[in-house]
Amino acid sequence: SEYSLSIKSVQRKELRSTSLDQRDIAVYKPYLDSLKSKVIVKMISRWLNAALVFGEEQEVSNLGNLEYIDSVSFLSRSSGGIQRTNFGDIDGDDVVLNQNILGDINEKGAGVSIAVFDGGFSGVNTIGSFQPLFDENRVVGYNIIDTNSVYRYHQHGTQVFSIMASTDFGITPEADYYLFTTEIVAIESRLEEFYWLRAAEMADSIGVDIINSSLGYNYGHGFI
């Protein structure tokens, strides 16, 4: 099929009366093969009909002369680890979840698939309250940044995930989960926005019902 969607993704679109369109079609392979012969193709976006590539400045500039390239934009390599805004600590007593109500929805998430985007899920694969997910094959991890495991880097994703999936106090512990590492915690870079886009397209292709993204991006990315 020319569409890069799973059966579940197509069924989800039908359920929500969302028609397949041009954004669901994979980027034309002969164009990608040509591109790969000239530069390193890091990521492809079918939604934007575009590719993120790495190469020398002149090599990338020359891509604009190809008949199948509409335009070329350069990304800044990094904004040097911009200081993030601190909104202060949140007192646990200030956050109240009505678990009696939320926990009963759809039998605590059974049959629902949820994607979680974050900077890492340190320890999720070893913490006991998450073990049923692994025993029942209801969790899969995708590292968009590199080839390492998603169960490292940072605890923020673990904390967010625990609110949903922990057997101790999670709201939807019976759902199926797809964990995506998209955030480079130490720095702010426009690359992270593309990693997020890649994760969103993958989640859409898989056919997830919900995307949870507890992320933010700072000012100062800029273009070269």
C-alpha atoms as a PDB file:
ATOM      1  CA  SER A   1       0.000   0.000   0.000  1.00  0.00           C
ATOM      2  CA  GLU A   2       1.160   3.561  -0.651  1.00  0.00           C
ATOM      3  CA  TYR A   3      -0.236   4.507   2.764  1.00  0.00           C
ATOM      4  CA  SER A   4       2.127   4.017   5.702  1.00  0.00           C
ATOM      5  CA  LEU A   5      -0.595   3.273   8.260  1.00  0.00           C
ATOM      6  CA  SER A   6      -1.425   0.199  10.306  1.00  0.00           C
ATOM      7  CA  ILE A   7      -4.850  -1.407  10.124  1.00  0.00           C
ATOM      8  CA  LYS A   8      -5.601  -0.016  13.588  1.00  0.00           C
ATOM      9  CA  SER A   9      -4.687   3.492  12.435  1.00  0.00           C
ATOM     10  CA  VAL A  10      -7.047   3.246   9.466  1.00  0.00           C
ATOM     11  CA  GLN A  11      -9.811   1.882  11.715  1.00  0.00           C
ATOM     12  CA  ARG A  12      -9.300   4.777  14.140  1.00  0.00           C
ATOM     13  CA  LYS A  13      -9.672   7.264  11.302  1.00  0.00           C
ATOM     14  CA  GLU A  14     -12.843   5.548  10.136  1.00  0.00           C
ATOM     15  CA  LEU A  15     -14.241   5.611  13.678  1.00  0.00           C
ATOM     16  CA  ARG A  16     -13.663   9.363  13.840  1.00  0.00           C
ATOM     17  CA  SER A  17     -14.813   9.967  10.258  1.00  0.00           C
ATOM     18  CA  THR A  18     -11.339  11.203   9.279  1.00  0.00           C
ATOM     19  CA  SER A  19     -10.532  10.604   5.642  1.00  0.00           C
ATOM     20  CA  LEU A  20      -7.157   9.448   4.381  1.00  0.00           C
ATOM     21  CA  ASP A  21      -5.363  12.270   2.609  1.00  0.00           C
ATOM     22  CA  GLN A  22      -2.024  13.233   1.124  1.00  0.00           C
ATOM     23  CA  ARG A  23      -0.383  13.433   4.552  1.00  0.00           C
ATOM     24  CA  ASP A  24      -0.899   9.709   4.988  1.00  0.00           C
ATOM     25  CA  ILE A  25       1.111   8.808   1.910  1.00  0.00           C
ATOM     26  CA  ALA A  26       4.755   7.861   2.383  1.00  0.00           C
ATOM     27  CA  VAL A  27       7.367  10.200   0.900  1.00  0.00           C
ATOM     28  CA  TYR A  28       8.208   9.142  -2.672  1.00  0.00           C
ATOM     29  CA  LYS A  29      10.971   6.515  -2.390  1.00  0.00           C
ATOM     30  CA  PRO A  30      12.953   7.387  -5.562  1.00  0.00           C
ATOM     31  CA  TYR A  31      13.318  10.946  -4.257  1.00  0.00           C
ATOM     32  CA  LEU A  32      14.542   9.664  -0.895  1.00  0.00           C
ATOM     33  CA  ASP A  33      17.001   7.276  -2.543  1.00  0.00           C
ATOM     34  CA  SER A  34      18.403  10.179  -4.529  1.00  0.00           C
ATOM     35  CA  LEU A  35      18.630  12.319  -1.403  1.00  0.00           C
ATOM     36  CA  LYS A  36      20.402   9.571   0.538  1.00  0.00           C
ATOM     37  CA  SER A  37      23.099   9.395  -2.131  1.00  0.00           C
ATOM     38  CA  LYS A  38      23.984  13.035  -1.441  1.00  0.00           C
ATOM     39  CA  VAL A  39      23.559  13.645   2.305  1.00  0.00           C
ATOM     40  CA  ILE A  40      22.735  11.810   5.520  1.00  0.00           C
ATOM     41  CA  VAL A  41      18.962  11.540   5.875  1.00  0.00           C
ATOM     42  CA  LYS A  42      18.223  11.662   9.599  1.00  0.00           C
ATOM     43  CA  MET A  43      14.441  11.710   9.528  1.00  0.00           C
ATOM     44  CA  ILE A  44      11.522  11.715   7.118  1.00  0.00           C
ATOM     45  CA  SER A  45       8.130  13.377   7.580  1.00  0.00           C
ATOM     46  CA  ARG A  46       5.192  12.251   5.502  1.00  0.00           C
ATOM     47  CA  TRP A  47       3.018  14.988   7.065  1.00  0.00           C
ATOM     48  CA  LEU A  48       5.344  17.696   5.767  1.00  0.00           C
ATOM     49  CA  ASN A  49       6.531  15.719   2.720  1.00  0.00           C
ATOM     50  CA  ALA A  50      10.023  16.599   3.895  1.00  0.00           C
ATOM     51  CA  ALA A  51      13.298  15.201   5.197  1.00  0.00           C
ATOM     52  CA  LEU A  52      15.728  16.279   7.910  1.00  0.00           C
ATOM     53  CA  VAL A  53      19.274  15.830   6.601  1.00  0.00           C
ATOM     54  CA  PHE A  54      22.825  16.279   7.863  1.00  0.00           C
ATOM     55  CA  GLY A  55      25.668  17.425   5.629  1.00  0.00           C
ATOM     56  CA  GLU A  56      28.189  20.130   4.852  1.00  0.00           C
ATOM     57  CA  GLU A  57      26.641  23.551   4.339  1.00  0.00           C
ATOM     58  CA  GLN A  58      27.385  23.629   0.610  1.00  0.00           C
ATOM     59  CA  GLU A  59      26.102  20.079   0.123  1.00  0.00           C
ATOM     60  CA  VAL A  60      22.808  20.968   1.753  1.00  0.00           C
ATOM     61  CA  SER A  61      22.567  24.253  -0.138  1.00  0.00           C
ATOM     62  CA  ASN A  62      22.993  22.402  -3.435  1.00  0.00           C
ATOM     63  CA  LEU A  63      19.932  20.281  -2.665  1.00  0.00           C
ATOM     64  CA  GLY A  64      17.819  23.307  -3.491  1.00  0.00           C
ATOM     65  CA  ASN A  65      18.792  22.852  -7.144  1.00  0.00           C
ATOM     66  CA  LEU A  66      17.162  19.422  -7.369  1.00  0.00           C
ATOM     67  CA  GLU A  67      13.861  19.354  -9.240  1.00  0.00           C
ATOM     68  CA  TYR A  68      12.054  17.527  -6.451  1.00  0.00           C
ATOM     69  CA  ILE A  69      13.181  19.924  -3.683  1.00  0.00           C
ATOM     70  CA  ASP A  70      10.867  22.862  -3.057  1.00  0.00           C
ATOM     71  CA  SER A  71      13.025  24.669  -0.488  1.00  0.00           C
ATOM     72  CA  VAL A  72      15.916  24.196   1.949  1.00  0.00           C
ATOM     73  CA  SER A  73      16.070  25.606   5.494  1.00  0.00           C
ATOM     74  CA  PHE A  74      19.035  25.374   7.858  1.00  0.00           C
ATOM     75  CA  LEU A  75      18.669  24.548  11.547  1.00  0.00           C
ATOM     76  CA  SER A  76      20.844  25.898  14.308  1.00  0.00           C
ATOM     77  CA  ARG A  77      22.936  23.103  15.798  1.00  0.00           C
ATOM     78  CA  SER A  78      22.038  24.016  19.350  1.00  0.00           C
ATOM     79  CA  SER A  79      21.130  27.032  21.401  1.00  0.00           C
ATOM     80  CA  GLY A  80      23.732  26.048  23.965  1.00  0.00           C
ATOM     81  CA  GLY A  81      21.575  24.752  26.747  1.00  0.00           C
ATOM     82  CA  ILE A  82      19.301  27.718  27.383  1.00  0.00           C
ATOM     83  CA  GLN A  83      18.227  28.011  31.008  1.00  0.00           C
ATOM     84  CA  ARG A  84      14.731  26.649  31.379  1.00  0.00           C
ATOM     85  CA  THR A  85      12.035  28.612  33.172  1.00  0.00           C
ATOM     86  CA  ASN A  86      11.428  27.417  36.717  1.00  0.00           C
ATOM     87  CA  PHE A  87       7.775  27.552  37.673  1.00  0.00           C
ATOM     88  CA  GLY A  88       8.513  26.440  41.217  1.00  0.00           C
ATOM     89  CA  ASP A  89       7.813  23.231  43.043  1.00  0.00           C
ATOM     90  CA  ILE A  90       4.326  21.801  43.186  1.00  0.00           C
ATOM     91  CA  ASP A  91       3.102  20.652  46.552  1.00  0.00           C
ATOM     92  CA  GLY A  92       1.577  17.203  46.253  1.00  0.00           C
ATOM     93  CA  ASP A  93      -1.348  18.372  48.380  1.00  0.00           C
ATOM     94  CA  ASP A  94      -2.260  20.895  45.682  1.00  0.00           C
ATOM     95  CA  VAL A  95      -2.938  18.211  43.075  1.00  0.00           C
ATOM     96  CA  VAL A  96      -6.011  16.069  43.615  1.00  0.00           C
ATOM     97  CA  LEU A  97      -7.120  13.409  41.142  1.00  0.00           C
ATOM     98  CA  ASN A  98     -10.551  11.877  41.491  1.00  0.00           C
ATOM     99  CA  GLN A  99      -9.316   8.367  40.847  1.00  0.00           C
ATOM    100  CA  ASN A 100     -12.651   6.811  41.772  1.00  0.00           C
ATOM    101  CA  ILE A 101     -14.203   8.446  38.713  1.00  0.00           C
ATOM    102  CA  LEU A 102     -11.271   8.378  36.298  1.00  0.00           C
ATOM    103  CA  GLY A 103     -10.264   4.865  37.252  1.00  0.00           C
ATOM    104  CA  ASP A 104     -13.627   3.442  36.232  1.00  0.00           C
ATOM    105  CA  ILE A 105     -13.553   4.845  32.689  1.00  0.00           C
ATOM    106  CA  ASN A 106     -13.240   2.017  30.168  1.00  0.00           C
ATOM    107  CA  GLU A 107     -12.148  -0.426  32.864  1.00  0.00           C
ATOM    108  CA  LYS A 108      -9.025   1.542  33.738  1.00  0.00           C
ATOM    109  CA  GLY A 109      -7.920   1.932  30.146  1.00  0.00           C
ATOM    110  CA  ALA A 110      -8.336  -1.617  28.904  1.00  0.00           C
ATOM    111  CA  GLY A 111      -8.266  -1.661  25.122  1.00  0.00           C
ATOM    112  CA  VAL A 112      -6.989   1.928  24.863  1.00  0.00           C
ATOM    113  CA  SER A 113      -3.528   2.639  23.423  1.00  0.00           C
ATOM    114  CA  ILE A 114      -1.578   5.637  24.726  1.00  0.00           C
ATOM    115  CA  ALA A 115       1.690   7.165  23.483  1.00  0.00           C
ATOM    116  CA  VAL A 116       3.848   9.076  25.973  1.00  0.00           C
ATOM    117  CA  PHE A 117       6.500  11.551  24.771  1.00  0.00           C
ATOM    118  CA  ASP A 118       9.201  12.618  27.218  1.00  0.00           C
ATOM    119  CA  GLY A 119      12.903  12.947  27.944  1.00  0.00           C
ATOM    120  CA  GLY A 120      13.360   9.404  29.227  1.00  0.00           C
ATOM    121  CA  PHE A 121      11.719   6.746  31.368  1.00  0.00           C
ATOM    122  CA  SER A 122      14.452   5.869  33.813  1.00  0.00           C
ATOM    123  CA  GLY A 123      13.819   2.670  35.764  1.00  0.00           C
ATOM    124  CA  VAL A 124      10.386   1.883  34.289  1.00  0.00           C
ATOM    125  CA  ASN A 125      11.600  -1.566  33.222  1.00  0.00           C
ATOM    126  CA  THR A 126      12.723  -2.439  36.776  1.00  0.00           C
ATOM    127  CA  ILE A 127      10.057  -0.846  38.994  1.00  0.00           C
ATOM    128  CA  GLY A 128       7.623  -3.436  40.332  1.00  0.00           C
ATOM    129  CA  SER A 129       4.456  -1.393  39.863  1.00  0.00           C
ATOM    130  CA  PHE A 130       5.066  -1.377  36.088  1.00  0.00           C
ATOM    131  CA  GLN A 131       5.854  -5.095  35.809  1.00  0.00           C
ATOM    132  CA  PRO A 132       2.365  -6.191  34.643  1.00  0.00           C
ATOM    133  CA  LEU A 133       2.854  -4.055  31.523  1.00  0.00           C
ATOM    134  CA  PHE A 134       5.920  -6.090  30.592  1.00  0.00           C
ATOM    135  CA  ASP A 135       4.432  -9.420  31.651  1.00  0.00           C
ATOM    136  CA  GLU A 136       1.431  -8.792  29.395  1.00  0.00           C
ATOM    137  CA  ASN A 137       3.396  -7.172  26.534  1.00  0.00           C
ATOM    138  CA  ARG A 138       1.489  -3.880  26.879  1.00  0.00           C
ATOM    139  CA  VAL A 139       4.458  -1.507  26.668  1.00  0.00           C
ATOM    140  CA  VAL A 140       6.885  -0.750  23.831  1.00  0.00           C
ATOM    141  CA  GLY A 141       9.681   1.819  23.815  1.00  0.00           C
ATOM    142  CA  TYR A 142      10.970   3.896  20.897  1.00  0.00           C
ATOM    143  CA  ASN A 143      14.033   6.104  21.212  1.00  0.00           C
ATOM    144  CA  ILE A 144      13.787   8.754  18.477  1.00  0.00           C
ATOM    145  CA  ILE A 145      17.091  10.393  19.459  1.00  0.00           C
ATOM    146  CA  ASP A 146      19.541   7.480  19.353  1.00  0.00           C
ATOM    147  CA  THR A 147      19.738   3.688  19.634  1.00  0.00           C
ATOM    148  CA  ASN A 148      19.801   3.490  23.442  1.00  0.00           C
ATOM    149  CA  SER A 149      16.978   2.139  25.570  1.00  0.00           C
ATOM    150  CA  VAL A 150      14.160   4.514  26.537  1.00  0.00           C
ATOM    151  CA  TYR A 151      14.434   3.265  30.122  1.00  0.00           C
ATOM    152  CA  ARG A 152      17.224   5.707  31.000  1.00  0.00           C
ATOM    153  CA  TYR A 153      18.180   9.406  30.727  1.00  0.00           C
ATOM    154  CA  HIS A 154      15.626  11.096  32.965  1.00  0.00           C
ATOM    155  CA  GLN A 155      13.044  10.389  35.638  1.00  0.00           C
ATOM    156  CA  HIS A 156      10.467  12.942  34.437  1.00  0.00           C
ATOM    157  CA  GLY A 157       8.943  10.510  31.958  1.00  0.00           C
ATOM    158  CA  THR A 158       8.816   7.889  34.704  1.00  0.00           C
ATOM    159  CA  GLN A 159       6.934  10.263  36.990  1.00  0.00           C
ATOM    160  CA  VAL A 160       4.442  11.206  34.278  1.00  0.00           C
ATOM    161  CA  PHE A 161       4.023   7.577  33.258  1.00  0.00           C
ATOM    162  CA  SER A 162       3.400   6.484  36.851  1.00  0.00           C
ATOM    163  CA  ILE A 163       0.280   8.675  37.048  1.00  0.00           C
ATOM    164  CA  MET A 164      -1.159   6.690  34.164  1.00  0.00           C
ATOM    165  CA  ALA A 165       0.249   3.199  34.372  1.00  0.00           C
ATOM    166  CA  SER A 166       1.384   2.377  37.914  1.00  0.00           C
ATOM    167  CA  THR A 167      -0.537  -0.467  39.522  1.00  0.00           C
ATOM    168  CA  ASP A 168      -0.278   1.400  42.840  1.00  0.00           C
ATOM    169  CA  PHE A 169      -2.105   4.595  41.852  1.00  0.00           C
ATOM    170  CA  GLY A 170      -2.246   4.829  38.067  1.00  0.00           C
ATOM    171  CA  ILE A 171      -5.446   6.041  36.414  1.00  0.00           C
ATOM    172  CA  THR A 172      -5.228   3.774  33.355  1.00  0.00           C
ATOM    173  CA  PRO A 173      -2.996   0.843  34.350  1.00  0.00           C
ATOM    174  CA  GLU A 174      -4.692  -1.556  31.915  1.00  0.00           C
ATOM    175  CA  ALA A 175      -4.015   0.476  28.756  1.00  0.00           C
ATOM    176  CA  ASP A 176      -1.411  -0.361  26.106  1.00  0.00           C
ATOM    177  CA  TYR A 177       1.546   2.048  26.090  1.00  0.00           C
ATOM    178  CA  TYR A 178       4.088   3.303  23.587  1.00  0.00           C
ATOM    179  CA  LEU A 179       6.933   5.262  25.214  1.00  0.00           C
ATOM    180  CA  PHE A 180       8.882   7.705  23.041  1.00  0.00           C
ATOM    181  CA  THR A 181      12.093   9.489  24.004  1.00  0.00           C
ATOM    182  CA  THR A 182      12.030  12.757  22.041  1.00  0.00           C
ATOM    183  CA  GLU A 183      13.576  15.305  24.404  1.00  0.00           C
ATOM    184  CA  ILE A 184      17.282  16.020  24.925  1.00  0.00           C
ATOM    185  CA  VAL A 185      17.038  17.197  28.518  1.00  0.00           C
ATOM    186  CA  ALA A 186      20.442  18.919  28.763  1.00  0.00           C
ATOM    187  CA  ILE A 187      19.929  21.378  25.900  1.00  0.00           C
ATOM    188  CA  GLU A 188      17.338  23.201  23.843  1.00  0.00           C
ATOM    189  CA  SER A 189      17.568  22.454  20.122  1.00  0.00           C
ATOM    190  CA  ARG A 190      15.206  22.696  17.176  1.00  0.00           C
ATOM    191  CA  LEU A 191      16.051  19.067  16.525  1.00  0.00           C
ATOM    192  CA  GLU A 192      13.807  18.186  19.442  1.00  0.00           C
ATOM    193  CA  GLU A 193      10.787  19.560  17.603  1.00  0.00           C
ATOM    194  CA  PHE A 194      11.553  17.270  14.687  1.00  0.00           C
ATOM    195  CA  TYR A 195      12.018  14.328  17.052  1.00  0.00           C
ATOM    196  CA  TRP A 196       8.577  15.133  18.467  1.00  0.00           C
ATOM    197  CA  LEU A 197       7.126  15.239  14.956  1.00  0.00           C
ATOM    198  CA  ARG A 198       8.675  11.879  14.136  1.00  0.00           C
ATOM    199  CA  ALA A 199       7.181  10.355  17.280  1.00  0.00           C
ATOM    200  CA  ALA A 200       3.754  11.816  16.498  1.00  0.00           C
ATOM    201  CA  GLU A 201       3.797  10.360  12.997  1.00  0.00           C
ATOM    202  CA  MET A 202       4.889   6.965  14.325  1.00  0.00           C
ATOM    203  CA  ALA A 203       2.139   7.033  16.952  1.00  0.00           C
ATOM    204  CA  ASP A 204      -0.388   7.930  14.265  1.00  0.00           C
ATOM    205  CA  SER A 205       0.842   5.079  12.065  1.00  0.00           C
ATOM    206  CA  ILE A 206       0.565   2.635  14.954  1.00  0.00           C
ATOM    207  CA  GLY A 207      -2.973   3.820  15.585  1.00  0.00           C
ATOM    208  CA  VAL A 208      -2.739   5.050  19.166  1.00  0.00           C
ATOM    209  CA  ASP A 209      -5.830   6.625  20.676  1.00  0.00           C
ATOM    210  CA  ILE A 210      -4.115   9.255  22.852  1.00  0.00           C
ATOM    211  CA  ILE A 211      -0.792  11.108  22.842  1.00  0.00           C
ATOM    212  CA  ASN A 212       0.473  12.472  26.157  1.00  0.00           C
ATOM    213  CA  SER A 213       3.272  15.005  25.663  1.00  0.00           C
ATOM    214  CA  SER A 214       4.595  16.611  28.829  1.00  0.00           C
ATOM    215  CA  LEU A 215       7.173  18.736  27.018  1.00  0.00           C
ATOM    216  CA  GLY A 216       7.927  22.342  26.225  1.00  0.00           C
ATOM    217  CA  TYR A 217      10.341  24.254  24.014  1.00  0.00           C
ATOM    218  CA  ASN A 218      12.238  27.421  24.841  1.00  0.00           C
ATOM    219  CA  TYR A 219      12.920  30.590  22.857  1.00  0.00           C
ATOM    220  CA  GLY A 220      16.194  31.175  21.032  1.00  0.00           C
ATOM    221  CA  HIS A 221      16.300  28.270  18.602  1.00  0.00           C
ATOM    222  CA  GLY A 222      16.716  30.493  15.568  1.00  0.00           C
ATOM    223  CA  PHE A 223      17.972  29.604  12.111  1.00  0.00           C
ATOM    224  CA  ILE A 224      21.534  29.811  10.814  1.00  0.00           C
END
